[in-house]
Amino acid sequence: MKERVTRMDSDKKPYVVIIGDVSGSKQLSGKSRYQTQLYVKSAIIQINEEFQGVIEAPFTISKGDEFQGLLTNLEAAFRCVLALEKLTFPVKLRFGIGIGKVYKMGGRLPIEMDGPAFHRANEALDYAKKKKYIYCLKSSNKNYDLLINTIFQLITALKSRWSERHYRLFWNYKDLGTYREVAALENVSPQAVFDTLKNIRAINVKTAEEDLLTFFKSNPLLNYESEELASEEERLSLR
């Protein structure tokens, strides 16, 4: 038994697990459900190609309308989440993000692995479903989770009021960077684009997402998780 524990704990690096689910999938049936699953599958194939440098285990469909992937850092994970949200629109997703140890057990796909990071991602997704949030994060640091999830909650509250047109304007502005270019694409005036984005607080959402990415890049949480794993290894060695 001791040999098994040593083998499973051999990878001491913490990882980030993303588990996503189609919002309202229980209301889908027949052809609509099948088309939605194909849509999501196409999106995760694109994500696996685009983010292959930071994906430890590729996104795969795990069960029903759920999918999961394993990444090396939190900044990349949130970029994947934002990209998936855009690629699958108007299909709406919810995301559980978990940070911690992973037992690879010789597997190459997320469904062949286990560990605290997966359990936390599942718990985060369940909470996101319960509270109707778009994103939820769970780590071993409750104060960190509270901070990040409060921001996620505010972003969800703002986005919940957006129409398809609002989302389109938001993403076009993120991609193009100026009101004038978005206006030319939408065949409206730059002032109209500015007014709409201002009224729906899209600029605030954009800033919040960018600030989170910066924070995730510089925050020592993964170092904190690494220290926790090292301490656990030390405890096991003393038994």
C-alpha atoms as a PDB file:
ATOM      1  CA  MET A   1       0.000   0.000   0.000  1.00  0.00           C
ATOM      2  CA  LYS A   2       2.871   2.340   0.831  1.00  0.00           C
ATOM      3  CA  GLU A   3       4.368   1.819  -2.639  1.00  0.00           C
ATOM      4  CA  ARG A   4       1.066   2.781  -4.232  1.00  0.00           C
ATOM      5  CA  VAL A   5       0.850   6.038  -2.278  1.00  0.00           C
ATOM      6  CA  THR A   6       4.422   6.938  -3.241  1.00  0.00           C
ATOM      7  CA  ARG A   7       3.728   6.317  -6.930  1.00  0.00           C
ATOM      8  CA  MET A   8       0.511   8.327  -6.953  1.00  0.00           C
ATOM      9  CA  ASP A   9       2.149  11.247  -5.109  1.00  0.00           C
ATOM     10  CA  SER A  10       5.220  11.335  -7.343  1.00  0.00           C
ATOM     11  CA  ASP A  11       4.054  14.450  -9.232  1.00  0.00           C
ATOM     12  CA  LYS A  12       4.290  17.186  -6.594  1.00  0.00           C
ATOM     13  CA  LYS A  13       3.363  20.092  -8.866  1.00  0.00           C
ATOM     14  CA  PRO A  14      -0.126  21.564  -8.361  1.00  0.00           C
ATOM     15  CA  TYR A  15      -2.375  21.826 -11.397  1.00  0.00           C
ATOM     16  CA  VAL A  16      -5.542  23.615 -12.433  1.00  0.00           C
ATOM     17  CA  VAL A  17      -8.572  21.553 -13.432  1.00  0.00           C
ATOM     18  CA  ILE A  18     -11.454  23.037 -15.404  1.00  0.00           C
ATOM     19  CA  ILE A  19     -14.783  21.232 -15.485  1.00  0.00           C
ATOM     20  CA  GLY A  20     -17.425  22.814 -17.696  1.00  0.00           C
ATOM     21  CA  ASP A  21     -21.093  22.065 -18.176  1.00  0.00           C
ATOM     22  CA  VAL A  22     -23.840  23.308 -20.487  1.00  0.00           C
ATOM     23  CA  SER A  23     -26.204  25.577 -18.581  1.00  0.00           C
ATOM     24  CA  GLY A  24     -29.796  24.362 -18.827  1.00  0.00           C
ATOM     25  CA  SER A  25     -28.791  21.133 -20.575  1.00  0.00           C
ATOM     26  CA  LYS A  26     -31.562  19.203 -18.801  1.00  0.00           C
ATOM     27  CA  GLN A  27     -34.105  21.193 -20.785  1.00  0.00           C
ATOM     28  CA  LEU A  28     -32.547  20.069 -24.076  1.00  0.00           C
ATOM     29  CA  SER A  29     -33.701  16.921 -25.822  1.00  0.00           C
ATOM     30  CA  GLY A  30     -33.288  15.046 -29.075  1.00  0.00           C
ATOM     31  CA  LYS A  31     -31.739  16.975 -31.933  1.00  0.00           C
ATOM     32  CA  SER A  32     -31.112  20.147 -29.899  1.00  0.00           C
ATOM     33  CA  ARG A  33     -29.101  18.238 -27.320  1.00  0.00           C
ATOM     34  CA  TYR A  34     -27.084  16.447 -29.995  1.00  0.00           C
ATOM     35  CA  GLN A  35     -26.310  19.690 -31.851  1.00  0.00           C
ATOM     36  CA  THR A  36     -25.263  21.387 -28.607  1.00  0.00           C
ATOM     37  CA  GLN A  37     -22.890  18.530 -27.785  1.00  0.00           C
ATOM     38  CA  LEU A  38     -21.332  18.750 -31.259  1.00  0.00           C
ATOM     39  CA  TYR A  39     -20.958  22.513 -30.818  1.00  0.00           C
ATOM     40  CA  VAL A  40     -19.175  22.101 -27.492  1.00  0.00           C
ATOM     41  CA  LYS A  41     -16.993  19.288 -28.829  1.00  0.00           C
ATOM     42  CA  SER A  42     -15.902  21.461 -31.754  1.00  0.00           C
ATOM     43  CA  ALA A  43     -15.020  24.280 -29.338  1.00  0.00           C
ATOM     44  CA  ILE A  44     -12.867  22.121 -27.065  1.00  0.00           C
ATOM     45  CA  ILE A  45     -10.987  20.712 -30.064  1.00  0.00           C
ATOM     46  CA  GLN A  46     -10.123  24.299 -31.026  1.00  0.00           C
ATOM     47  CA  ILE A  47      -9.111  25.121 -27.438  1.00  0.00           C
ATOM     48  CA  ASN A  48      -6.842  22.069 -27.279  1.00  0.00           C
ATOM     49  CA  GLU A  49      -5.041  23.281 -30.393  1.00  0.00           C
ATOM     50  CA  GLU A  50      -4.828  26.939 -29.396  1.00  0.00           C
ATOM     51  CA  PHE A  51      -3.640  26.334 -25.819  1.00  0.00           C
ATOM     52  CA  GLN A  52      -1.635  23.146 -26.303  1.00  0.00           C
ATOM     53  CA  GLY A  53       1.476  24.735 -24.769  1.00  0.00           C
ATOM     54  CA  VAL A  54      -0.184  25.107 -21.354  1.00  0.00           C
ATOM     55  CA  ILE A  55      -2.565  22.143 -21.400  1.00  0.00           C
ATOM     56  CA  GLU A  56      -1.257  19.198 -19.389  1.00  0.00           C
ATOM     57  CA  ALA A  57      -4.155  16.903 -20.322  1.00  0.00           C
ATOM     58  CA  PRO A  58      -6.491  17.863 -23.201  1.00  0.00           C
ATOM     59  CA  PHE A  59     -10.102  18.848 -22.758  1.00  0.00           C
ATOM     60  CA  THR A  60     -12.397  15.884 -23.308  1.00  0.00           C
ATOM     61  CA  ILE A  61     -16.089  15.161 -22.893  1.00  0.00           C
ATOM     62  CA  SER A  62     -16.354  13.356 -19.558  1.00  0.00           C
ATOM     63  CA  LYS A  63     -20.058  12.617 -19.147  1.00  0.00           C
ATOM     64  CA  GLY A  64     -23.199  13.893 -20.817  1.00  0.00           C
ATOM     65  CA  ASP A  65     -22.703  17.609 -21.347  1.00  0.00           C
ATOM     66  CA  GLU A  66     -19.657  17.890 -19.076  1.00  0.00           C
ATOM     67  CA  PHE A  67     -16.071  18.305 -20.209  1.00  0.00           C
ATOM     68  CA  GLN A  68     -12.802  18.707 -18.348  1.00  0.00           C
ATOM     69  CA  GLY A  69      -9.187  19.617 -18.914  1.00  0.00           C
ATOM     70  CA  LEU A  70      -5.955  19.945 -16.939  1.00  0.00           C
ATOM     71  CA  LEU A  71      -3.732  23.028 -17.179  1.00  0.00           C
ATOM     72  CA  THR A  72      -0.382  24.098 -15.812  1.00  0.00           C
ATOM     73  CA  ASN A  73      -1.338  27.540 -14.462  1.00  0.00           C
ATOM     74  CA  LEU A  74      -4.306  29.629 -13.418  1.00  0.00           C
ATOM     75  CA  GLU A  75      -3.851  32.474 -15.891  1.00  0.00           C
ATOM     76  CA  ALA A  76      -3.979  30.047 -18.828  1.00  0.00           C
ATOM     77  CA  ALA A  77      -6.984  28.325 -17.278  1.00  0.00           C
ATOM     78  CA  PHE A  78      -8.981  31.558 -17.097  1.00  0.00           C
ATOM     79  CA  ARG A  79      -8.007  32.414 -20.679  1.00  0.00           C
ATOM     80  CA  CYS A  80      -9.354  29.016 -21.728  1.00  0.00           C
ATOM     81  CA  VAL A  81     -12.581  29.643 -19.836  1.00  0.00           C
ATOM     82  CA  LEU A  82     -13.100  33.025 -21.516  1.00  0.00           C
ATOM     83  CA  ALA A  83     -12.300  31.548 -24.930  1.00  0.00           C
ATOM     84  CA  LEU A  84     -14.733  28.666 -24.415  1.00  0.00           C
ATOM     85  CA  GLU A  85     -17.430  31.083 -23.311  1.00  0.00           C
ATOM     86  CA  LYS A  86     -17.012  32.965 -26.583  1.00  0.00           C
ATOM     87  CA  LEU A  87     -16.624  29.943 -28.872  1.00  0.00           C
ATOM     88  CA  THR A  88     -19.765  28.202 -27.638  1.00  0.00           C
ATOM     89  CA  PHE A  89     -22.040  31.252 -27.564  1.00  0.00           C
ATOM     90  CA  PRO A  90     -25.078  31.369 -27.634  1.00  0.00           C
ATOM     91  CA  VAL A  91     -24.768  28.059 -25.780  1.00  0.00           C
ATOM     92  CA  LYS A  92     -24.080  29.107 -22.199  1.00  0.00           C
ATOM     93  CA  LEU A  93     -21.619  27.247 -20.004  1.00  0.00           C
ATOM     94  CA  ARG A  94     -20.760  27.113 -16.318  1.00  0.00           C
ATOM     95  CA  PHE A  95     -17.239  26.431 -15.098  1.00  0.00           C
ATOM     96  CA  GLY A  96     -15.743  24.908 -11.975  1.00  0.00           C
ATOM     97  CA  ILE A  97     -12.032  25.635 -11.493  1.00  0.00           C
ATOM     98  CA  GLY A  98     -10.053  23.539  -9.013  1.00  0.00           C
ATOM     99  CA  ILE A  99      -6.427  23.915  -7.909  1.00  0.00           C
ATOM    100  CA  GLY A 100      -4.299  21.295  -6.201  1.00  0.00           C
ATOM    101  CA  LYS A 101      -2.660  17.901  -6.437  1.00  0.00           C
ATOM    102  CA  VAL A 102      -3.433  15.526  -9.306  1.00  0.00           C
ATOM    103  CA  TYR A 103      -2.961  11.757  -9.369  1.00  0.00           C
ATOM    104  CA  LYS A 104      -2.184  10.953 -12.987  1.00  0.00           C
ATOM    105  CA  MET A 105      -1.976   7.180 -12.398  1.00  0.00           C
ATOM    106  CA  GLY A 106      -0.343   6.696 -15.773  1.00  0.00           C
ATOM    107  CA  GLY A 107      -3.228   8.331 -17.609  1.00  0.00           C
ATOM    108  CA  ARG A 108      -3.012  10.938 -20.352  1.00  0.00           C
ATOM    109  CA  LEU A 109      -6.635  12.096 -20.295  1.00  0.00           C
ATOM    110  CA  PRO A 110      -8.394  13.938 -17.441  1.00  0.00           C
ATOM    111  CA  ILE A 111     -10.988  11.164 -17.085  1.00  0.00           C
ATOM    112  CA  GLU A 112      -8.138   8.766 -16.221  1.00  0.00           C
ATOM    113  CA  MET A 113      -6.882  10.985 -13.383  1.00  0.00           C
ATOM    114  CA  ASP A 114      -7.997  11.913  -9.877  1.00  0.00           C
ATOM    115  CA  GLY A 115      -6.986  14.041  -6.918  1.00  0.00           C
ATOM    116  CA  PRO A 116      -7.921  17.139  -4.897  1.00  0.00           C
ATOM    117  CA  ALA A 117      -7.805  19.443  -7.940  1.00  0.00           C
ATOM    118  CA  PHE A 118     -10.546  17.389  -9.610  1.00  0.00           C
ATOM    119  CA  HIS A 119     -12.625  17.176  -6.439  1.00  0.00           C
ATOM    120  CA  ARG A 120     -12.381  20.934  -5.946  1.00  0.00           C
ATOM    121  CA  ALA A 121     -13.328  21.619  -9.557  1.00  0.00           C
ATOM    122  CA  ASN A 122     -16.406  19.403  -9.123  1.00  0.00           C
ATOM    123  CA  GLU A 123     -17.369  21.216  -5.935  1.00  0.00           C
ATOM    124  CA  ALA A 124     -16.845  24.570  -7.646  1.00  0.00           C
ATOM    125  CA  LEU A 125     -19.041  23.540 -10.588  1.00  0.00           C
ATOM    126  CA  ASP A 126     -21.791  22.323  -8.254  1.00  0.00           C
ATOM    127  CA  TYR A 127     -21.686  25.668  -6.449  1.00  0.00           C
ATOM    128  CA  ALA A 128     -21.765  27.584  -9.740  1.00  0.00           C
ATOM    129  CA  LYS A 129     -24.862  25.623 -10.780  1.00  0.00           C
ATOM    130  CA  LYS A 130     -26.536  26.199  -7.421  1.00  0.00           C
ATOM    131  CA  LYS A 131     -25.886  29.945  -7.429  1.00  0.00           C
ATOM    132  CA  LYS A 132     -26.247  30.307 -11.227  1.00  0.00           C
ATOM    133  CA  TYR A 133     -22.754  31.757 -11.589  1.00  0.00           C
ATOM    134  CA  ILE A 134     -20.755  31.456 -14.794  1.00  0.00           C
ATOM    135  CA  TYR A 135     -17.505  30.661 -12.978  1.00  0.00           C
ATOM    136  CA  CYS A 136     -16.459  29.428  -9.552  1.00  0.00           C
ATOM    137  CA  LEU A 137     -12.999  28.632  -8.164  1.00  0.00           C
ATOM    138  CA  LYS A 138     -11.937  26.401  -5.276  1.00  0.00           C
ATOM    139  CA  SER A 139      -8.446  25.941  -3.848  1.00  0.00           C
ATOM    140  CA  SER A 140      -7.011  25.174  -0.413  1.00  0.00           C
ATOM    141  CA  ASN A 141      -7.004  28.911   0.383  1.00  0.00           C
ATOM    142  CA  LYS A 142     -10.510  29.966   1.448  1.00  0.00           C
ATOM    143  CA  ASN A 143      -9.676  33.676   1.611  1.00  0.00           C
ATOM    144  CA  TYR A 144      -8.338  33.594  -1.937  1.00  0.00           C
ATOM    145  CA  ASP A 145     -11.446  31.743  -3.110  1.00  0.00           C
ATOM    146  CA  LEU A 146     -13.708  34.305  -1.464  1.00  0.00           C
ATOM    147  CA  LEU A 147     -11.920  37.186  -3.181  1.00  0.00           C
ATOM    148  CA  ILE A 148     -11.951  35.643  -6.658  1.00  0.00           C
ATOM    149  CA  ASN A 149     -15.489  34.279  -6.455  1.00  0.00           C
ATOM    150  CA  THR A 150     -16.844  37.648  -5.357  1.00  0.00           C
ATOM    151  CA  ILE A 151     -15.439  39.146  -8.564  1.00  0.00           C
ATOM    152  CA  PHE A 152     -16.823  36.209 -10.567  1.00  0.00           C
ATOM    153  CA  GLN A 153     -20.222  36.830  -8.984  1.00  0.00           C
ATOM    154  CA  LEU A 154     -20.202  40.504  -9.986  1.00  0.00           C
ATOM    155  CA  ILE A 155     -19.172  39.656 -13.563  1.00  0.00           C
ATOM    156  CA  THR A 156     -21.993  37.109 -13.744  1.00  0.00           C
ATOM    157  CA  ALA A 157     -24.513  39.651 -12.458  1.00  0.00           C
ATOM    158  CA  LEU A 158     -23.576  42.119 -15.202  1.00  0.00           C
ATOM    159  CA  LYS A 159     -23.434  39.565 -18.018  1.00  0.00           C
ATOM    160  CA  SER A 160     -26.783  38.061 -17.023  1.00  0.00           C
ATOM    161  CA  ARG A 161     -28.477  41.215 -18.351  1.00  0.00           C
ATOM    162  CA  TRP A 162     -26.804  41.141 -21.744  1.00  0.00           C
ATOM    163  CA  SER A 163     -28.490  40.257 -25.024  1.00  0.00           C
ATOM    164  CA  GLU A 164     -26.776  38.440 -27.892  1.00  0.00           C
ATOM    165  CA  ARG A 165     -26.054  41.823 -29.480  1.00  0.00           C
ATOM    166  CA  HIS A 166     -24.436  43.047 -26.267  1.00  0.00           C
ATOM    167  CA  TYR A 167     -22.139  40.033 -26.171  1.00  0.00           C
ATOM    168  CA  ARG A 168     -21.224  40.554 -29.819  1.00  0.00           C
ATOM    169  CA  LEU A 169     -20.338  44.211 -29.240  1.00  0.00           C
ATOM    170  CA  PHE A 170     -18.325  43.285 -26.158  1.00  0.00           C
ATOM    171  CA  TRP A 171     -16.250  40.634 -27.910  1.00  0.00           C
ATOM    172  CA  ASN A 172     -15.759  42.771 -31.016  1.00  0.00           C
ATOM    173  CA  TYR A 173     -14.497  45.604 -28.841  1.00  0.00           C
ATOM    174  CA  LYS A 174     -12.101  43.245 -27.019  1.00  0.00           C
ATOM    175  CA  ASP A 175     -10.795  41.956 -30.355  1.00  0.00           C
ATOM    176  CA  LEU A 176     -10.620  45.243 -32.271  1.00  0.00           C
ATOM    177  CA  GLY A 177      -9.811  47.682 -29.475  1.00  0.00           C
ATOM    178  CA  THR A 178     -11.606  50.816 -30.747  1.00  0.00           C
ATOM    179  CA  TYR A 179     -15.199  52.014 -30.918  1.00  0.00           C
ATOM    180  CA  ARG A 180     -14.646  53.184 -34.483  1.00  0.00           C
ATOM    181  CA  GLU A 181     -13.672  49.732 -35.765  1.00  0.00           C
ATOM    182  CA  VAL A 182     -16.587  48.089 -33.977  1.00  0.00           C
ATOM    183  CA  ALA A 183     -18.934  50.727 -35.371  1.00  0.00           C
ATOM    184  CA  ALA A 184     -17.742  50.059 -38.919  1.00  0.00           C
ATOM    185  CA  LEU A 185     -18.324  46.344 -38.424  1.00  0.00           C
ATOM    186  CA  GLU A 186     -21.792  46.877 -36.957  1.00  0.00           C
ATOM    187  CA  ASN A 187     -22.745  49.683 -39.371  1.00  0.00           C
ATOM    188  CA  VAL A 188     -23.539  52.102 -36.537  1.00  0.00           C
ATOM    189  CA  SER A 189     -21.868  55.217 -35.153  1.00  0.00           C
ATOM    190  CA  PRO A 190     -18.908  55.035 -32.741  1.00  0.00           C
ATOM    191  CA  GLN A 191     -21.008  56.980 -30.239  1.00  0.00           C
ATOM    192  CA  ALA A 192     -23.716  54.313 -30.392  1.00  0.00           C
ATOM    193  CA  VAL A 193     -21.152  51.618 -29.656  1.00  0.00           C
ATOM    194  CA  PHE A 194     -19.720  53.622 -26.764  1.00  0.00           C
ATOM    195  CA  ASP A 195     -23.157  54.320 -25.278  1.00  0.00           C
ATOM    196  CA  THR A 196     -24.217  50.684 -25.452  1.00  0.00           C
ATOM    197  CA  LEU A 197     -21.014  49.340 -23.926  1.00  0.00           C
ATOM    198  CA  LYS A 198     -21.159  51.973 -21.207  1.00  0.00           C
ATOM    199  CA  ASN A 199     -24.798  51.250 -20.355  1.00  0.00           C
ATOM    200  CA  ILE A 200     -24.235  47.505 -19.986  1.00  0.00           C
ATOM    201  CA  ARG A 201     -21.022  48.077 -17.989  1.00  0.00           C
ATOM    202  CA  ALA A 202     -19.041  46.104 -20.574  1.00  0.00           C
ATOM    203  CA  ILE A 203     -15.911  48.196 -20.047  1.00  0.00           C
ATOM    204  CA  ASN A 204     -16.031  47.321 -16.348  1.00  0.00           C
ATOM    205  CA  VAL A 205     -16.316  43.629 -17.208  1.00  0.00           C
ATOM    206  CA  LYS A 206     -13.415  43.894 -19.656  1.00  0.00           C
ATOM    207  CA  THR A 207     -11.260  45.590 -17.020  1.00  0.00           C
ATOM    208  CA  ALA A 208     -12.214  43.008 -14.383  1.00  0.00           C
ATOM    209  CA  GLU A 209     -11.288  40.118 -16.682  1.00  0.00           C
ATOM    210  CA  GLU A 210      -7.962  41.709 -17.606  1.00  0.00           C
ATOM    211  CA  ASP A 211      -7.149  42.486 -13.969  1.00  0.00           C
ATOM    212  CA  LEU A 212      -7.940  38.901 -12.973  1.00  0.00           C
ATOM    213  CA  LEU A 213      -5.586  37.605 -15.659  1.00  0.00           C
ATOM    214  CA  THR A 214      -2.831  39.890 -14.362  1.00  0.00           C
ATOM    215  CA  PHE A 215      -3.533  38.830 -10.785  1.00  0.00           C
ATOM    216  CA  PHE A 216      -3.510  35.130 -11.658  1.00  0.00           C
ATOM    217  CA  LYS A 217      -0.194  35.564 -13.449  1.00  0.00           C
ATOM    218  CA  SER A 218       1.531  37.244 -10.517  1.00  0.00           C
ATOM    219  CA  ASN A 219      -0.289  35.711  -7.543  1.00  0.00           C
ATOM    220  CA  PRO A 220       1.695  33.206  -5.452  1.00  0.00           C
ATOM    221  CA  LEU A 221      -1.242  30.819  -4.981  1.00  0.00           C
ATOM    222  CA  LEU A 222       0.382  27.989  -6.924  1.00  0.00           C
ATOM    223  CA  ASN A 223       3.514  28.470  -4.814  1.00  0.00           C
ATOM    224  CA  TYR A 224       1.259  28.221  -1.771  1.00  0.00           C
ATOM    225  CA  GLU A 225      -0.181  24.978  -3.125  1.00  0.00           C
ATOM    226  CA  SER A 226       3.342  23.685  -3.812  1.00  0.00           C
ATOM    227  CA  GLU A 227       4.349  24.359  -0.221  1.00  0.00           C
ATOM    228  CA  GLU A 228       1.242  22.516   0.969  1.00  0.00           C
ATOM    229  CA  LEU A 229       2.126  19.508  -1.187  1.00  0.00           C
ATOM    230  CA  ALA A 230       5.723  19.515   0.062  1.00  0.00           C
ATOM    231  CA  SER A 231       4.503  19.556   3.664  1.00  0.00           C
ATOM    232  CA  GLU A 232       2.207  16.625   2.958  1.00  0.00           C
ATOM    233  CA  GLU A 233       5.080  14.665   1.407  1.00  0.00           C
ATOM    234  CA  GLU A 234       7.162  15.334   4.501  1.00  0.00           C
ATOM    235  CA  ARG A 235       4.365  14.095   6.767  1.00  0.00           C
ATOM    236  CA  LEU A 236       4.009  10.904   4.714  1.00  0.00           C
ATOM    237  CA  SER A 237       7.756  10.225   4.852  1.00  0.00           C
ATOM    238  CA  LEU A 238       7.689  10.399   8.656  1.00  0.00           C
ATOM    239  CA  ARG A 239       5.011   7.731   9.007  1.00  0.00           C
END
